[in-house]
Amino acid sequence: MGHCYHHALSSVRKWGGTAEDYLSIHQWFDESKEITADFRHRALRHHAQGIFELERTFGTTIILSTERVVPVRLIGEQHVLEDLGFIPSFADWVRCIRPAPWMGRAQPIHKLVDPFAAGVSTDGAAT
C-alpha cells in the first residue's frame, strides 16, 4: 500500500466517514518508520499481536464523524492485509531474523546482585 493517508482512504471506502477518522490508527502502525525507513519497520506492529495492541491503544471501536461505530481490530486487519497480503504472527517475523553472536551474549549478573548466588550469607560472611 504505502502512505497512511492511502490506508485511511481505503478505510473510508470500506466503512465510510472521512480519512481523518482513520488517520491516527494507520499512523500508529507506521510510527516504526522512525526506527528504520524500509519494510523491516513492519516487524514491530504488522502482525496479529500488533493488531491486538492497536485495539488496546485505541479501544475496541471508534466512532466515525458520521456516528457509525467501527471495530478497531477490523481497521488494523485491513492495514496489515493491504501491506502484506496476509496477517502474520510475530513468530513469523522472528523466524526471519538471522541471529548474530551479540544477540545471545547476556551477561550473568546474578552473582553481582544475589548474595545467595555469590555464596555469601545474609550476615555478609562467605559460605
C-alpha atoms as a PDB file:
ATOM      1  CA  MET A   1       0.000   0.000   0.000  1.00  0.00           C
ATOM      2  CA  GLY A   2       2.175   2.879   1.096  1.00  0.00           C
ATOM      3  CA  HIS A   3       1.259   6.082   2.882  1.00  0.00           C
ATOM      4  CA  CYS A   4      -1.035   6.153   5.912  1.00  0.00           C
ATOM      5  CA  TYR A   5      -3.349   8.547   4.132  1.00  0.00           C
ATOM      6  CA  HIS A   6      -3.970   5.978   1.403  1.00  0.00           C
ATOM      7  CA  HIS A   7      -4.784   3.347   4.027  1.00  0.00           C
ATOM      8  CA  ALA A   8      -7.216   5.877   5.520  1.00  0.00           C
ATOM      9  CA  LEU A   9      -8.861   6.440   2.125  1.00  0.00           C
ATOM     10  CA  SER A  10      -9.235   2.682   1.792  1.00  0.00           C
ATOM     11  CA  SER A  11     -10.939   2.629   5.214  1.00  0.00           C
ATOM     12  CA  VAL A  12     -13.322   5.367   4.040  1.00  0.00           C
ATOM     13  CA  ARG A  13     -14.230   3.251   1.039  1.00  0.00           C
ATOM     14  CA  LYS A  14     -14.910   0.286   3.317  1.00  0.00           C
ATOM     15  CA  TRP A  15     -16.715   1.880   6.292  1.00  0.00           C
ATOM     16  CA  GLY A  16     -17.489   5.482   5.356  1.00  0.00           C
ATOM     17  CA  GLY A  17     -16.587   8.632   7.224  1.00  0.00           C
ATOM     18  CA  THR A  18     -13.541  10.725   6.393  1.00  0.00           C
ATOM     19  CA  ALA A  19      -9.839   9.948   6.073  1.00  0.00           C
ATOM     20  CA  GLU A  20      -9.250  11.930   9.279  1.00  0.00           C
ATOM     21  CA  ASP A  21     -11.455   9.439  11.167  1.00  0.00           C
ATOM     22  CA  TYR A  22      -8.854   6.725  10.500  1.00  0.00           C
ATOM     23  CA  LEU A  23      -5.570   8.536  10.046  1.00  0.00           C
ATOM     24  CA  SER A  24      -4.262   8.222  13.621  1.00  0.00           C
ATOM     25  CA  ILE A  25      -4.836   4.459  13.574  1.00  0.00           C
ATOM     26  CA  HIS A  26      -2.927   3.983  10.321  1.00  0.00           C
ATOM     27  CA  GLN A  27      -0.172   6.336  11.515  1.00  0.00           C
ATOM     28  CA  TRP A  28       0.217   4.214  14.659  1.00  0.00           C
ATOM     29  CA  PHE A  29       1.107   1.199  12.523  1.00  0.00           C
ATOM     30  CA  ASP A  30       3.765   3.124  10.640  1.00  0.00           C
ATOM     31  CA  GLU A  31       5.335   5.068  13.523  1.00  0.00           C
ATOM     32  CA  SER A  32       8.076   2.439  13.493  1.00  0.00           C
ATOM     33  CA  LYS A  33       9.377   4.063  10.278  1.00  0.00           C
ATOM     34  CA  GLU A  34      11.129   6.416  12.713  1.00  0.00           C
ATOM     35  CA  ILE A  35      13.403   3.485  13.563  1.00  0.00           C
ATOM     36  CA  THR A  36      14.013   2.047  10.103  1.00  0.00           C
ATOM     37  CA  ALA A  37      12.555   3.580   6.980  1.00  0.00           C
ATOM     38  CA  ASP A  38      12.143   0.395   4.988  1.00  0.00           C
ATOM     39  CA  PHE A  39       9.850  -2.631   5.105  1.00  0.00           C
ATOM     40  CA  ARG A  40      11.569  -4.024   8.225  1.00  0.00           C
ATOM     41  CA  HIS A  41       9.741  -1.442  10.354  1.00  0.00           C
ATOM     42  CA  ARG A  42       6.652  -3.628   9.915  1.00  0.00           C
ATOM     43  CA  ALA A  43       8.113  -6.335  12.175  1.00  0.00           C
ATOM     44  CA  LEU A  44       7.189  -4.196  15.198  1.00  0.00           C
ATOM     45  CA  ARG A  45       3.427  -3.899  14.634  1.00  0.00           C
ATOM     46  CA  HIS A  46       2.312  -5.550  11.385  1.00  0.00           C
ATOM     47  CA  HIS A  47       1.233  -8.886  12.869  1.00  0.00           C
ATOM     48  CA  ALA A  48      -1.616 -10.421  14.888  1.00  0.00           C
ATOM     49  CA  GLN A  49      -0.284  -9.254  18.257  1.00  0.00           C
ATOM     50  CA  GLY A  50       0.222  -5.757  16.834  1.00  0.00           C
ATOM     51  CA  ILE A  51      -3.429  -5.640  15.862  1.00  0.00           C
ATOM     52  CA  PHE A  52      -4.444  -6.524  19.424  1.00  0.00           C
ATOM     53  CA  GLU A  53      -2.039  -3.861  20.742  1.00  0.00           C
ATOM     54  CA  LEU A  54      -3.738  -1.382  18.394  1.00  0.00           C
ATOM     55  CA  GLU A  55      -7.059  -2.279  19.985  1.00  0.00           C
ATOM     56  CA  ARG A  56      -5.626  -1.779  23.494  1.00  0.00           C
ATOM     57  CA  THR A  57      -4.277   1.623  22.409  1.00  0.00           C
ATOM     58  CA  PHE A  58      -7.353   2.960  20.587  1.00  0.00           C
ATOM     59  CA  GLY A  59     -10.140   0.989  22.235  1.00  0.00           C
ATOM     60  CA  THR A  60     -12.442  -1.695  20.879  1.00  0.00           C
ATOM     61  CA  THR A  61     -14.253   0.655  18.492  1.00  0.00           C
ATOM     62  CA  ILE A  62     -14.046   4.142  17.043  1.00  0.00           C
ATOM     63  CA  ILE A  63     -16.968   6.411  16.265  1.00  0.00           C
ATOM     64  CA  LEU A  64     -16.704   7.995  12.844  1.00  0.00           C
ATOM     65  CA  SER A  65     -17.697  11.566  12.032  1.00  0.00           C
ATOM     66  CA  THR A  66     -20.879  10.020  10.603  1.00  0.00           C
ATOM     67  CA  GLU A  67     -21.525   8.424  14.037  1.00  0.00           C
ATOM     68  CA  ARG A  68     -21.014   4.926  12.637  1.00  0.00           C
ATOM     69  CA  VAL A  69     -19.183   2.599  15.030  1.00  0.00           C
ATOM     70  CA  VAL A  70     -16.316   0.561  13.541  1.00  0.00           C
ATOM     71  CA  PRO A  71     -14.272  -2.129  15.352  1.00  0.00           C
ATOM     72  CA  VAL A  72     -10.634  -1.039  15.610  1.00  0.00           C
ATOM     73  CA  ARG A  73      -9.421  -4.591  15.056  1.00  0.00           C
ATOM     74  CA  LEU A  74     -11.035  -4.639  11.616  1.00  0.00           C
ATOM     75  CA  ILE A  75      -9.195  -1.449  10.683  1.00  0.00           C
ATOM     76  CA  GLY A  76      -5.925  -2.977  11.873  1.00  0.00           C
ATOM     77  CA  GLU A  77      -6.550  -6.143   9.889  1.00  0.00           C
ATOM     78  CA  GLN A  78      -7.258  -4.015   6.803  1.00  0.00           C
ATOM     79  CA  HIS A  79      -3.936  -2.170   7.211  1.00  0.00           C
ATOM     80  CA  VAL A  80      -1.826  -5.310   7.610  1.00  0.00           C
ATOM     81  CA  LEU A  81      -3.613  -7.137   4.795  1.00  0.00           C
ATOM     82  CA  GLU A  82      -3.056  -4.203   2.445  1.00  0.00           C
ATOM     83  CA  ASP A  83       0.649  -4.087   3.266  1.00  0.00           C
ATOM     84  CA  LEU A  84       1.455  -7.792   3.458  1.00  0.00           C
ATOM     85  CA  GLY A  85      -1.393  -9.726   1.837  1.00  0.00           C
ATOM     86  CA  PHE A  86      -1.967 -11.786   4.994  1.00  0.00           C
ATOM     87  CA  ILE A  87      -1.752 -11.359   8.764  1.00  0.00           C
ATOM     88  CA  PRO A  88       1.443 -12.961  10.067  1.00  0.00           C
ATOM     89  CA  SER A  89       2.162 -13.804  13.673  1.00  0.00           C
ATOM     90  CA  PHE A  90       5.057 -12.162  15.480  1.00  0.00           C
ATOM     91  CA  ALA A  91       6.732 -15.581  15.330  1.00  0.00           C
ATOM     92  CA  ASP A  92       6.611 -15.393  11.526  1.00  0.00           C
ATOM     93  CA  TRP A  93       8.721 -12.223  11.697  1.00  0.00           C
ATOM     94  CA  VAL A  94      11.110 -13.610  14.332  1.00  0.00           C
ATOM     95  CA  ARG A  95      11.815 -16.717  12.268  1.00  0.00           C
ATOM     96  CA  CYS A  96      13.226 -14.388   9.600  1.00  0.00           C
ATOM     97  CA  ILE A  97      15.762 -12.746  11.916  1.00  0.00           C
ATOM     98  CA  ARG A  98      19.255 -14.074  11.294  1.00  0.00           C
ATOM     99  CA  PRO A  99      20.872 -14.409  14.740  1.00  0.00           C
ATOM    100  CA  ALA A 100      24.170 -12.620  15.317  1.00  0.00           C
ATOM    101  CA  PRO A 101      26.593 -13.555  18.127  1.00  0.00           C
ATOM    102  CA  TRP A 102      25.977 -10.349  20.118  1.00  0.00           C
ATOM    103  CA  MET A 103      22.278 -11.218  20.446  1.00  0.00           C
ATOM    104  CA  GLY A 104      22.976 -14.121  22.788  1.00  0.00           C
ATOM    105  CA  ARG A 105      25.658 -12.568  24.950  1.00  0.00           C
ATOM    106  CA  ALA A 106      23.591 -11.792  28.018  1.00  0.00           C
ATOM    107  CA  GLN A 107      25.874 -11.093  30.955  1.00  0.00           C
ATOM    108  CA  PRO A 108      25.195 -13.158  34.075  1.00  0.00           C
ATOM    109  CA  ILE A 109      24.540 -10.559  36.763  1.00  0.00           C
ATOM    110  CA  HIS A 110      23.076 -12.889  39.370  1.00  0.00           C
ATOM    111  CA  LYS A 111      26.411 -13.199  41.248  1.00  0.00           C
ATOM    112  CA  LEU A 112      26.617  -9.416  41.462  1.00  0.00           C
ATOM    113  CA  VAL A 113      23.108  -8.808  42.792  1.00  0.00           C
ATOM    114  CA  ASP A 114      22.064 -12.004  44.602  1.00  0.00           C
ATOM    115  CA  PRO A 115      24.034 -12.650  47.814  1.00  0.00           C
ATOM    116  CA  PHE A 116      22.917 -16.303  47.853  1.00  0.00           C
ATOM    117  CA  ALA A 117      24.158 -16.920  44.308  1.00  0.00           C
ATOM    118  CA  ALA A 118      27.524 -15.350  45.209  1.00  0.00           C
ATOM    119  CA  GLY A 119      27.982 -17.706  48.163  1.00  0.00           C
ATOM    120  CA  VAL A 120      27.595 -15.009  50.814  1.00  0.00           C
ATOM    121  CA  SER A 121      25.347 -15.471  53.826  1.00  0.00           C
ATOM    122  CA  THR A 122      22.802 -12.876  54.805  1.00  0.00           C
ATOM    123  CA  ASP A 123      25.145 -11.526  57.536  1.00  0.00           C
ATOM    124  CA  GLY A 124      27.855 -10.818  54.923  1.00  0.00           C
ATOM    125  CA  ALA A 125      30.122 -13.749  55.752  1.00  0.00           C
ATOM    126  CA  ALA A 126      31.302 -16.072  52.950  1.00  0.00           C
ATOM    127  CA  THR A 127      29.697 -19.501  52.922  1.00  0.00           C
END
